[in-house]
N, C-alpha and C. Protein backbone atom coordinates (compact mmCIF):
# COMPACT_ATOMS: atom_id res chain seq x y z
N MET A 1 0.95 -1.47 0.22
CA MET A 1 0.02 0.14 0.25
C MET A 1 0.95 0.80 0.05
N PRO A 2 0.38 1.97 -1.45
CA PRO A 2 2.12 3.33 -0.74
C PRO A 2 0.97 4.24 0.55
N THR A 3 1.93 4.87 1.03
CA THR A 3 2.35 5.63 1.62
C THR A 3 1.91 6.79 1.83
N LEU A 4 1.01 7.66 2.74
CA LEU A 4 0.52 8.92 2.57
C LEU A 4 1.28 10.40 1.84
N VAL A 5 0.43 10.81 1.26
CA VAL A 5 1.02 11.80 -0.37
C VAL A 5 1.02 13.11 1.03
N THR A 6 1.77 14.64 1.04
CA THR A 6 1.90 15.63 1.35
C THR A 6 0.92 15.96 0.33
N VAL A 7 0.07 17.24 0.36
CA VAL A 7 0.38 18.35 -0.67
C VAL A 7 0.53 19.99 0.14
N ARG A 8 1.68 20.16 -0.45
CA ARG A 8 1.79 22.43 0.16
C ARG A 8 1.83 23.14 -0.67
N PRO A 9 2.05 23.97 -0.53
CA PRO A 9 2.91 25.14 -1.79
C PRO A 9 4.47 25.17 -2.10
N ALA A 10 4.42 24.90 -3.42
CA ALA A 10 6.04 24.47 -3.56
C ALA A 10 6.77 26.24 -3.20
N THR A 11 7.89 25.75 -3.10
CA THR A 11 9.13 26.61 -3.27
C THR A 11 9.78 26.56 -4.06
N PRO A 12 11.02 27.61 -3.44
CA PRO A 12 11.78 27.59 -5.52
C PRO A 12 12.86 26.52 -4.89
N ASN A 13 12.90 25.92 -3.75
CA ASN A 13 13.27 24.90 -3.99
C ASN A 13 12.65 23.23 -4.53
N ASP A 14 11.63 23.29 -5.09
CA ASP A 14 10.90 22.08 -5.35
C ASP A 14 10.75 22.38 -6.56
N LEU A 15 11.90 23.16 -7.39
CA LEU A 15 12.07 23.74 -8.63
C LEU A 15 12.69 22.16 -9.27
N PRO A 16 13.46 21.54 -9.53
CA PRO A 16 14.54 20.53 -10.10
C PRO A 16 13.08 18.75 -9.17
N GLY A 17 12.17 19.44 -8.89
CA GLY A 17 11.48 17.70 -8.60
C GLY A 17 9.93 18.65 -9.70
N ILE A 18 9.97 19.89 -9.41
CA ILE A 18 8.53 20.32 -10.25
C ILE A 18 9.13 19.93 -12.15
N VAL A 19 10.31 20.18 -11.83
CA VAL A 19 10.94 20.81 -14.07
C VAL A 19 11.42 18.53 -14.04
N ALA A 20 11.05 17.76 -13.49
CA ALA A 20 11.42 16.48 -13.41
C ALA A 20 9.93 15.37 -13.46
N VAL A 21 9.41 16.18 -12.43
CA VAL A 21 7.79 15.58 -13.34
C VAL A 21 7.35 16.18 -14.17
N ALA A 22 7.55 17.36 -14.34
CA ALA A 22 6.69 17.94 -15.79
C ALA A 22 7.00 17.16 -17.05
N GLN A 23 8.83 16.85 -17.35
CA GLN A 23 8.83 16.29 -18.29
C GLN A 23 8.90 14.45 -18.34
N VAL A 24 8.29 14.34 -17.48
CA VAL A 24 7.77 12.75 -17.36
C VAL A 24 6.41 12.62 -17.67
N CYS A 25 5.53 14.43 -17.85
CA CYS A 25 4.05 13.77 -17.81
C CYS A 25 4.14 14.95 -19.10
N PHE A 26 4.34 15.49 -19.77
CA PHE A 26 4.61 16.55 -20.20
C PHE A 26 5.90 17.13 -21.29
N PRO A 27 5.76 16.14 -22.06
CA PRO A 27 7.41 16.24 -22.97
C PRO A 27 7.36 17.13 -23.64
N GLN A 28 5.90 17.03 -24.13
CA GLN A 28 5.92 18.12 -26.00
C GLN A 28 5.92 19.54 -25.01
N ASP A 29 5.48 20.18 -24.03
CA ASP A 29 5.10 21.18 -23.93
C ASP A 29 6.80 22.00 -24.42
N ASN A 30 7.53 21.88 -23.78
CA ASN A 30 9.36 23.25 -23.51
C ASN A 30 9.82 21.98 -24.48
N GLY A 31 10.13 20.33 -24.33
CA GLY A 31 11.30 19.91 -25.46
C GLY A 31 12.11 19.43 -23.63
N THR A 32 13.64 20.48 -23.72
CA THR A 32 13.72 20.21 -22.95
C THR A 32 14.56 20.61 -21.24
N ALA A 33 15.25 19.88 -20.20
CA ALA A 33 14.88 21.13 -18.85
C ALA A 33 15.25 21.82 -19.42
N ALA A 34 15.95 22.39 -19.94
CA ALA A 34 16.10 23.91 -19.30
C ALA A 34 14.99 24.96 -19.47
N LEU A 35 14.35 24.75 -20.63
CA LEU A 35 13.40 25.12 -21.12
C LEU A 35 12.01 24.79 -20.30
N THR A 36 12.23 23.90 -19.43
CA THR A 36 10.67 23.67 -18.90
C THR A 36 11.32 23.84 -17.11
N GLU A 37 12.52 24.03 -17.14
CA GLU A 37 13.07 24.46 -16.33
C GLU A 37 13.36 26.01 -16.43
N ALA A 38 12.76 27.30 -18.01
CA ALA A 38 12.40 28.47 -17.51
C ALA A 38 11.36 28.47 -17.06
N TRP A 39 10.18 27.39 -18.13
CA TRP A 39 8.81 28.27 -16.88
C TRP A 39 8.15 27.13 -16.11
N HIS A 40 8.53 26.59 -15.45
CA HIS A 40 7.95 26.99 -14.75
C HIS A 40 9.08 27.97 -13.29
N ARG A 41 10.06 28.53 -13.50
CA ARG A 41 10.36 29.35 -12.82
C ARG A 41 9.82 30.88 -13.07
N GLY A 42 9.84 30.53 -14.00
CA GLY A 42 8.84 31.86 -14.21
C GLY A 42 7.57 31.85 -14.29
N GLY A 43 6.72 30.90 -13.73
CA GLY A 43 5.70 30.90 -12.96
C GLY A 43 5.90 30.40 -11.81
N MET A 44 6.33 30.13 -11.26
CA MET A 44 6.47 30.30 -9.69
C MET A 44 7.36 31.87 -8.51
N THR A 45 7.21 32.26 -9.88
CA THR A 45 7.76 33.76 -9.20
C THR A 45 6.29 34.72 -9.32
N ALA A 46 5.89 34.27 -10.58
CA ALA A 46 4.62 35.22 -10.87
C ALA A 46 4.13 34.92 -9.23
N TYR A 47 4.40 34.24 -8.18
CA TYR A 47 3.39 34.34 -7.41
C TYR A 47 3.42 36.20 -6.68
N PRO A 48 1.73 35.79 -6.16
CA PRO A 48 0.85 34.81 -6.02
C PRO A 48 -0.27 35.10 -7.05
N LYS A 49 -0.07 36.13 -7.31
CA LYS A 49 -0.70 35.26 -9.42
C LYS A 49 -0.74 34.23 -9.70
N THR A 50 0.14 33.82 -9.84
CA THR A 50 -0.06 32.03 -9.73
C THR A 50 0.69 31.37 -8.84
N GLN A 51 -0.19 30.09 -8.04
CA GLN A 51 0.68 29.94 -7.66
C GLN A 51 0.68 27.87 -7.28
N TYR A 52 1.49 28.07 -6.85
CA TYR A 52 2.77 26.38 -7.49
C TYR A 52 1.78 24.89 -5.83
N PHE A 53 2.20 24.48 -6.31
CA PHE A 53 1.71 23.01 -5.13
C PHE A 53 1.63 21.65 -5.08
N VAL A 54 2.73 21.35 -4.39
CA VAL A 54 3.61 19.92 -4.82
C VAL A 54 2.54 18.85 -4.07
N ALA A 55 3.46 17.90 -4.99
CA ALA A 55 2.63 16.65 -3.61
C ALA A 55 3.75 15.51 -3.42
N LEU A 56 3.93 15.11 -1.98
CA LEU A 56 4.74 14.72 -1.86
C LEU A 56 4.72 13.40 -1.27
N ARG A 57 5.12 11.95 -1.69
CA ARG A 57 5.83 10.71 -0.62
C ARG A 57 6.78 10.38 -0.94
N ASP A 58 7.12 10.06 1.03
CA ASP A 58 8.81 9.39 0.89
C ASP A 58 9.29 10.75 0.88
N GLY A 59 8.66 12.59 1.02
CA GLY A 59 9.70 12.89 0.81
C GLY A 59 10.04 13.47 -0.51
N ARG A 60 9.64 12.96 -1.76
CA ARG A 60 9.68 13.18 -2.56
C ARG A 60 8.49 13.34 -3.42
N ILE A 61 8.84 14.93 -4.87
CA ILE A 61 8.21 15.31 -5.40
C ILE A 61 7.68 14.11 -6.52
N ILE A 62 5.76 14.50 -6.39
CA ILE A 62 5.66 12.86 -6.93
C ILE A 62 4.19 13.57 -8.13
N GLY A 63 4.22 14.96 -8.19
CA GLY A 63 3.59 15.87 -8.79
C GLY A 63 3.60 17.61 -8.69
N TYR A 64 3.22 18.10 -9.47
CA TYR A 64 3.11 19.29 -9.22
C TYR A 64 1.29 19.96 -9.61
N SER A 65 1.18 21.26 -9.01
CA SER A 65 0.10 22.17 -10.21
C SER A 65 0.56 22.89 -10.22
N SER A 66 0.04 23.76 -10.89
CA SER A 66 -0.23 25.43 -10.74
C SER A 66 -1.46 25.81 -10.88
N TRP A 67 -2.33 27.15 -10.39
CA TRP A 67 -3.18 28.00 -9.90
C TRP A 67 -2.69 29.20 -10.70
N SER A 68 -3.87 29.77 -11.74
CA SER A 68 -3.58 31.88 -12.31
C SER A 68 -4.09 31.85 -12.04
N PHE A 69 -4.46 32.86 -11.90
CA PHE A 69 -5.44 33.23 -11.41
C PHE A 69 -5.50 34.35 -13.49
N ILE A 70 -7.12 34.53 -13.40
CA ILE A 70 -7.57 35.48 -13.99
C ILE A 70 -7.88 36.73 -14.41
N GLY A 71 -7.69 38.13 -15.60
CA GLY A 71 -8.33 39.43 -14.92
C GLY A 71 -8.47 39.49 -13.98
N GLY A 72 -6.86 39.39 -13.59
CA GLY A 72 -6.93 40.39 -11.59
C GLY A 72 -7.52 39.20 -10.68
N PHE A 73 -7.51 39.85 -9.60
CA PHE A 73 -7.68 38.87 -7.68
C PHE A 73 -9.25 39.01 -8.23
N GLN A 74 -9.68 40.86 -8.42
CA GLN A 74 -11.04 41.23 -8.05
C GLN A 74 -12.28 40.31 -9.08
N ALA A 75 -11.79 39.81 -10.25
CA ALA A 75 -12.70 38.71 -10.62
C ALA A 75 -12.58 37.62 -9.82
N GLY A 76 -12.48 36.82 -9.17
CA GLY A 76 -12.50 35.58 -8.59
C GLY A 76 -12.80 34.24 -10.06
N VAL A 77 -11.43 34.75 -10.36
CA VAL A 77 -11.39 33.24 -11.77
C VAL A 77 -9.95 32.99 -11.67
N VAL A 78 -9.68 31.93 -11.39
CA VAL A 78 -8.20 30.87 -10.93
C VAL A 78 -8.35 29.53 -12.42
N GLU A 79 -7.71 29.65 -12.73
CA GLU A 79 -7.21 28.00 -13.54
C GLU A 79 -6.86 27.39 -13.18
N LEU A 80 -6.88 26.44 -13.35
CA LEU A 80 -5.92 25.32 -12.56
C LEU A 80 -5.01 24.79 -14.16
N GLU A 81 -4.30 25.61 -13.44
CA GLU A 81 -2.93 25.59 -15.58
C GLU A 81 -2.60 24.41 -16.00
N GLN A 82 -1.92 23.97 -14.59
CA GLN A 82 -0.92 21.98 -15.35
C GLN A 82 -1.30 21.47 -13.40
N LEU A 83 -1.54 20.78 -13.52
CA LEU A 83 -1.39 19.57 -13.55
C LEU A 83 -0.62 17.95 -13.78
N GLY A 84 0.56 17.76 -12.54
CA GLY A 84 0.94 16.41 -13.20
C GLY A 84 1.33 15.68 -12.16
N VAL A 85 1.12 14.43 -12.40
CA VAL A 85 1.45 13.33 -11.36
C VAL A 85 2.09 11.97 -12.11
N HIS A 86 2.88 12.03 -11.69
CA HIS A 86 4.15 11.08 -12.08
C HIS A 86 2.92 10.11 -12.12
N PRO A 87 3.55 9.17 -13.19
CA PRO A 87 3.02 8.22 -13.62
C PRO A 87 3.15 6.06 -12.72
N ASP A 88 4.68 7.20 -12.20
CA ASP A 88 4.19 6.01 -11.20
C ASP A 88 3.24 5.97 -10.14
N HIS A 89 2.82 7.06 -9.63
CA HIS A 89 1.26 6.76 -8.87
C HIS A 89 0.47 7.79 -9.83
N ARG A 90 0.43 7.18 -10.26
CA ARG A 90 -1.50 7.74 -10.29
C ARG A 90 -1.86 7.41 -10.42
N ASN A 91 -3.44 6.80 -10.20
CA ASN A 91 -4.63 5.66 -9.89
C ASN A 91 -4.71 5.76 -9.07
N GLN A 92 -4.11 6.87 -7.54
CA GLN A 92 -3.79 6.35 -5.95
C GLN A 92 -3.95 7.97 -5.32
N GLY A 93 -4.94 8.38 -5.69
CA GLY A 93 -5.92 9.99 -5.13
C GLY A 93 -4.96 10.74 -5.25
N VAL A 94 -3.62 10.64 -5.97
CA VAL A 94 -3.21 11.49 -5.28
C VAL A 94 -2.96 13.56 -6.11
N ALA A 95 -3.99 13.18 -7.64
CA ALA A 95 -4.80 14.18 -9.07
C ALA A 95 -5.96 14.95 -7.66
N THR A 96 -6.46 13.45 -7.30
CA THR A 96 -7.76 14.43 -6.43
C THR A 96 -7.74 15.20 -4.75
N ALA A 97 -6.15 15.02 -5.02
CA ALA A 97 -5.58 15.49 -3.28
C ALA A 97 -4.85 17.37 -3.39
N MET A 98 -4.35 17.01 -4.83
CA MET A 98 -3.52 18.24 -4.91
C MET A 98 -4.78 19.13 -5.78
N MET A 99 -5.82 18.52 -6.31
CA MET A 99 -6.85 20.08 -6.58
C MET A 99 -7.80 20.39 -5.50
N GLU A 100 -8.33 19.22 -4.66
CA GLU A 100 -8.75 19.49 -3.66
C GLU A 100 -8.18 20.96 -2.44
N GLN A 101 -7.29 20.59 -2.63
CA GLN A 101 -6.23 21.21 -1.52
C GLN A 101 -5.92 22.56 -2.46
N GLY A 102 -5.61 22.05 -3.17
CA GLY A 102 -5.17 23.51 -3.56
C GLY A 102 -6.57 24.30 -4.59
N LEU A 103 -7.50 23.71 -4.69
CA LEU A 103 -9.36 24.52 -4.00
C LEU A 103 -8.59 25.65 -2.92
N SER A 104 -8.82 24.78 -2.22
CA SER A 104 -9.04 25.16 -0.96
C SER A 104 -8.67 26.49 -0.33
N ALA A 105 -6.95 25.80 -1.73
CA ALA A 105 -5.45 27.31 -0.67
C ALA A 105 -6.58 28.19 -1.33
N VAL A 106 -6.12 28.33 -3.07
CA VAL A 106 -7.11 29.74 -3.54
C VAL A 106 -7.81 30.18 -3.03
N GLN A 107 -8.93 29.47 -2.76
CA GLN A 107 -10.44 30.35 -2.41
C GLN A 107 -9.97 30.70 -0.95
N THR A 108 -9.19 30.34 -0.44
CA THR A 108 -9.16 30.82 0.86
C THR A 108 -7.84 31.77 0.43
N PHE A 109 -7.68 32.30 -0.02
CA PHE A 109 -6.43 33.07 -0.67
C PHE A 109 -7.46 34.67 -1.11
N VAL A 110 -8.21 34.20 -1.99
CA VAL A 110 -8.87 35.56 -2.07
C VAL A 110 -10.21 35.68 -1.77
N ARG A 111 -10.50 34.70 -0.68
CA ARG A 111 -11.49 35.28 0.21
C ARG A 111 -10.52 36.19 1.45
N GLU A 112 -9.20 35.64 2.16
CA GLU A 112 -8.68 36.97 2.29
C GLU A 112 -7.90 37.70 2.90
N GLN A 113 -7.42 37.49 1.55
CA GLN A 113 -6.49 39.19 0.20
C GLN A 113 -6.67 39.98 -0.07
N VAL A 114 -8.22 39.02 -1.40
CA VAL A 114 -9.28 40.24 -1.61
C VAL A 114 -10.80 39.83 -0.83
N GLY A 115 -11.72 40.16 -0.61
CA GLY A 115 -12.44 40.31 0.59
C GLY A 115 -13.35 39.66 -0.68
N ARG A 116 -13.61 38.37 -0.91
CA ARG A 116 -14.76 38.12 -2.38
C ARG A 116 -14.53 35.95 -1.64
N GLU A 117 -15.28 35.67 -3.04
CA GLU A 117 -15.54 34.36 -2.92
C GLU A 117 -14.51 34.37 -4.15
N LEU A 118 -14.37 32.76 -4.35
CA LEU A 118 -14.07 32.12 -6.11
C LEU A 118 -15.38 32.40 -6.45
N HIS A 119 -14.99 33.21 -8.40
CA HIS A 119 -16.50 32.58 -9.23
C HIS A 119 -16.15 31.63 -9.51
N ALA A 120 -15.18 31.21 -10.06
CA ALA A 120 -15.36 30.46 -11.53
C ALA A 120 -13.65 29.86 -11.48
N ILE A 121 -13.87 28.82 -11.93
CA ILE A 121 -12.63 27.87 -11.91
C ILE A 121 -12.97 27.33 -13.72
N LYS A 122 -11.19 27.54 -13.80
CA LYS A 122 -11.22 27.26 -15.84
C LYS A 122 -9.75 26.52 -15.60
N VAL A 123 -10.42 24.49 -16.69
CA VAL A 123 -9.38 24.94 -16.99
C VAL A 123 -9.67 24.14 -18.11
N ASP A 124 -8.33 24.49 -19.38
CA ASP A 124 -8.52 23.56 -20.08
C ASP A 124 -7.73 22.64 -20.42
N THR A 125 -7.89 21.68 -21.57
CA THR A 125 -7.67 20.91 -21.23
C THR A 125 -7.49 19.52 -23.04
N ALA A 126 -7.02 18.20 -22.86
CA ALA A 126 -7.01 18.38 -24.45
C ALA A 126 -7.85 17.38 -24.18
N SER A 127 -8.82 17.26 -25.89
CA SER A 127 -10.89 16.72 -25.74
C SER A 127 -10.23 15.22 -25.04
N ASP A 128 -9.18 13.89 -25.75
CA ASP A 128 -9.31 13.21 -25.07
C ASP A 128 -8.35 12.82 -24.19
N ASN A 129 -9.12 13.76 -22.65
CA ASN A 129 -7.46 13.49 -21.98
C ASN A 129 -8.86 12.99 -20.62
N VAL A 130 -8.22 11.89 -20.71
CA VAL A 130 -8.39 10.89 -19.53
C VAL A 130 -9.05 11.72 -18.32
N ALA A 131 -8.17 12.59 -17.54
CA ALA A 131 -8.39 13.35 -16.33
C ALA A 131 -9.78 14.05 -16.50
N GLN A 132 -10.61 14.66 -17.96
CA GLN A 132 -11.86 15.13 -17.90
C GLN A 132 -12.57 15.45 -16.83
N ARG A 133 -12.55 13.39 -16.22
CA ARG A 133 -13.96 12.70 -15.24
C ARG A 133 -13.29 13.09 -14.08
N ALA A 134 -12.35 13.77 -13.70
CA ALA A 134 -11.68 14.39 -12.65
C ALA A 134 -11.94 15.31 -12.49
N TYR A 135 -11.85 16.11 -13.09
CA TYR A 135 -12.40 17.58 -13.22
C TYR A 135 -13.60 18.01 -13.47
N ARG A 136 -13.84 16.32 -13.94
CA ARG A 136 -16.44 16.96 -13.76
C ARG A 136 -16.35 16.41 -11.66
N LYS A 137 -15.44 15.65 -11.67
CA LYS A 137 -16.05 14.64 -10.16
C LYS A 137 -15.51 15.37 -9.44
N VAL A 138 -15.13 16.14 -9.06
CA VAL A 138 -13.46 16.81 -8.14
C VAL A 138 -13.67 18.09 -7.79
N LEU A 139 -13.60 18.63 -8.90
CA LEU A 139 -13.93 20.43 -9.10
C LEU A 139 -15.45 21.49 -9.48
N GLY A 140 -15.66 19.88 -10.48
CA GLY A 140 -17.42 20.08 -11.35
C GLY A 140 -17.78 21.21 -11.93
N ALA A 141 -16.61 21.03 -12.85
CA ALA A 141 -15.78 22.04 -13.79
C ALA A 141 -16.65 20.66 -15.10
N GLU A 142 -17.11 21.29 -15.63
CA GLU A 142 -18.16 20.35 -16.99
C GLU A 142 -18.11 21.38 -18.49
N VAL A 143 -17.37 21.11 -20.00
CA VAL A 143 -17.40 21.54 -20.51
C VAL A 143 -17.97 22.12 -21.24
N GLU A 144 -18.01 22.87 -21.42
CA GLU A 144 -18.43 24.89 -22.23
C GLU A 144 -17.83 25.06 -24.04
N ALA A 145 -16.51 24.50 -24.36
CA ALA A 145 -16.22 25.08 -25.52
C ALA A 145 -15.31 23.96 -26.33
N THR A 146 -14.88 23.91 -27.30
CA THR A 146 -13.89 23.19 -27.92
C THR A 146 -12.81 23.37 -28.87
N LEU A 147 -12.45 24.06 -28.24
CA LEU A 147 -10.90 24.22 -29.71
C LEU A 147 -10.90 23.08 -30.97
N LYS A 148 -10.87 23.56 -31.98
CA LYS A 148 -9.95 22.53 -33.07
C LYS A 148 -9.03 22.27 -33.19
N ASP A 149 -8.00 21.83 -33.21
CA ASP A 149 -6.80 22.30 -33.73
C ASP A 149 -6.25 23.22 -33.39
N PHE A 150 -5.47 23.14 -31.87
CA PHE A 150 -5.37 24.09 -31.37
C PHE A 150 -3.93 23.53 -30.83
N LEU A 151 -4.03 23.03 -29.73
CA LEU A 151 -2.36 22.50 -28.89
C LEU A 151 -1.63 21.23 -29.91
N PHE A 152 -0.89 21.66 -30.49
CA PHE A 152 -0.53 20.85 -31.18
C PHE A 152 -1.53 19.66 -32.27
N GLY A 153 -1.68 20.64 -31.88
CA GLY A 153 -3.26 19.92 -34.14
C GLY A 153 -4.04 18.88 -33.38
N ASN A 154 -4.31 18.73 -32.25
CA ASN A 154 -5.49 18.26 -31.51
C ASN A 154 -6.36 19.58 -30.41
N ALA A 155 -7.62 19.05 -30.62
CA ALA A 155 -9.08 19.87 -30.48
C ALA A 155 -9.21 19.85 -29.02
N GLU A 156 -8.67 20.86 -28.48
CA GLU A 156 -8.53 21.44 -27.00
C GLU A 156 -10.15 21.62 -26.40
N VAL A 157 -10.80 21.45 -24.63
CA VAL A 157 -11.81 21.92 -24.03
C VAL A 157 -11.55 22.95 -23.14
N ILE A 158 -12.73 23.44 -22.74
CA ILE A 158 -12.64 24.58 -22.31
C ILE A 158 -13.41 24.18 -21.02
N MET A 159 -12.94 24.13 -19.40
CA MET A 159 -14.09 22.75 -18.49
C MET A 159 -14.54 24.52 -17.59
N ILE A 160 -14.88 25.03 -17.19
CA ILE A 160 -15.80 25.62 -16.53
C ILE A 160 -16.87 25.52 -15.01
N LYS A 161 -15.91 25.97 -13.69
CA LYS A 161 -17.49 25.59 -12.47
C LYS A 161 -17.45 26.84 -12.33
N ARG A 162 -18.53 26.71 -12.28
CA ARG A 162 -18.92 28.76 -10.83
C ARG A 162 -19.45 27.84 -10.33
N PHE A 163 -19.37 29.17 -8.75
CA PHE A 163 -19.98 28.83 -8.02
C PHE A 163 -21.14 29.90 -7.66
N GLU A 164 -22.02 29.54 -7.37
CA GLU A 164 -24.05 30.47 -7.12
C GLU A 164 -23.25 32.07 -6.29
N SER A 165 -22.96 30.98 -4.95
CA SER A 165 -22.93 32.02 -4.09
C SER A 165 -21.83 33.19 -5.05
N SER A 166 -21.29 33.13 -5.88
CA SER A 166 -20.42 34.63 -5.72
C SER A 166 -21.50 34.67 -7.04
N ASN A 167 -21.95 34.21 -7.65
CA ASN A 167 -23.13 33.97 -8.44
C ASN A 167 -23.43 35.97 -8.04
N GLN A 168 -24.52 35.01 -7.06
CA GLN A 168 -25.15 36.21 -6.71
C GLN A 168 -25.14 37.05 -6.06
N GLU A 169 -23.41 36.86 -4.59
CA GLU A 169 -22.99 38.58 -4.32
C GLU A 169 -22.95 39.33 -5.63
N SER A 170 -22.97 39.21 -6.79
CA SER A 170 -22.50 40.14 -8.08
C SER A 170 -23.66 40.69 -7.88
N ARG A 171 -25.04 39.40 -8.42
CA ARG A 171 -26.01 40.40 -9.10
C ARG A 171 -26.24 41.39 -7.33
N ILE A 172 -26.00 40.65 -6.28
CA ILE A 172 -26.28 41.70 -5.74
C ILE A 172 -25.97 43.51 -5.63
N LYS A 173 -24.51 43.25 -5.69
CA LYS A 173 -23.69 44.30 -5.73
C LYS A 173 -23.88 45.55 -7.02
N ASN A 174 -24.63 44.82 -8.29
CA ASN A 174 -24.79 45.49 -9.94
C ASN A 174 -26.63 45.97 -9.47
N GLN A 175 -26.99 45.39 -8.29
CA GLN A 175 -28.57 46.06 -7.55
C GLN A 175 -28.07 47.40 -7.18
N GLY A 176 -26.99 47.05 -5.91
CA GLY A 176 -26.93 48.73 -5.24
C GLY A 176 -25.88 49.58 -6.14
N SER A 177 -25.73 49.36 -7.65
CA SER A 177 -24.74 50.49 -8.01
C SER A 177 -26.20 51.25 -8.48
């Protein structure tokens, strides 16, 4: 039985582990390890706009996720930009733990730092990505659009989860204006 997984915010010291997982999970994205490192270093330095999390098992990074705010913090919209779990650790609840804990962390950030609730989550993924089921089950995201011939010549779907309370909050604010 696999040992427990810990999910926590990433630190700069986690970059080599993130790069190693990214190279295995998304080899087509950046090609070389150096370009993959540059990509994720840039993402990590964009905190708090982009927030990275790592999953650890026995002290080793086995997964990572990045969540990026879209349209400024006041929009309350965050994108699950990337989530990668090393193939040796898939189908063991790692991605679910990362989605749940990452979402909780960005919701807390928006509530405490911005003073509002999260309005929506956006996920873009390949139309044939089996992870769509997890995005639907864990995040409640549904496919809203399909972009043909997008990344690497494949179709890409845009999945959205809207939070009802923030829709009501927006309507109330607009009525008071």
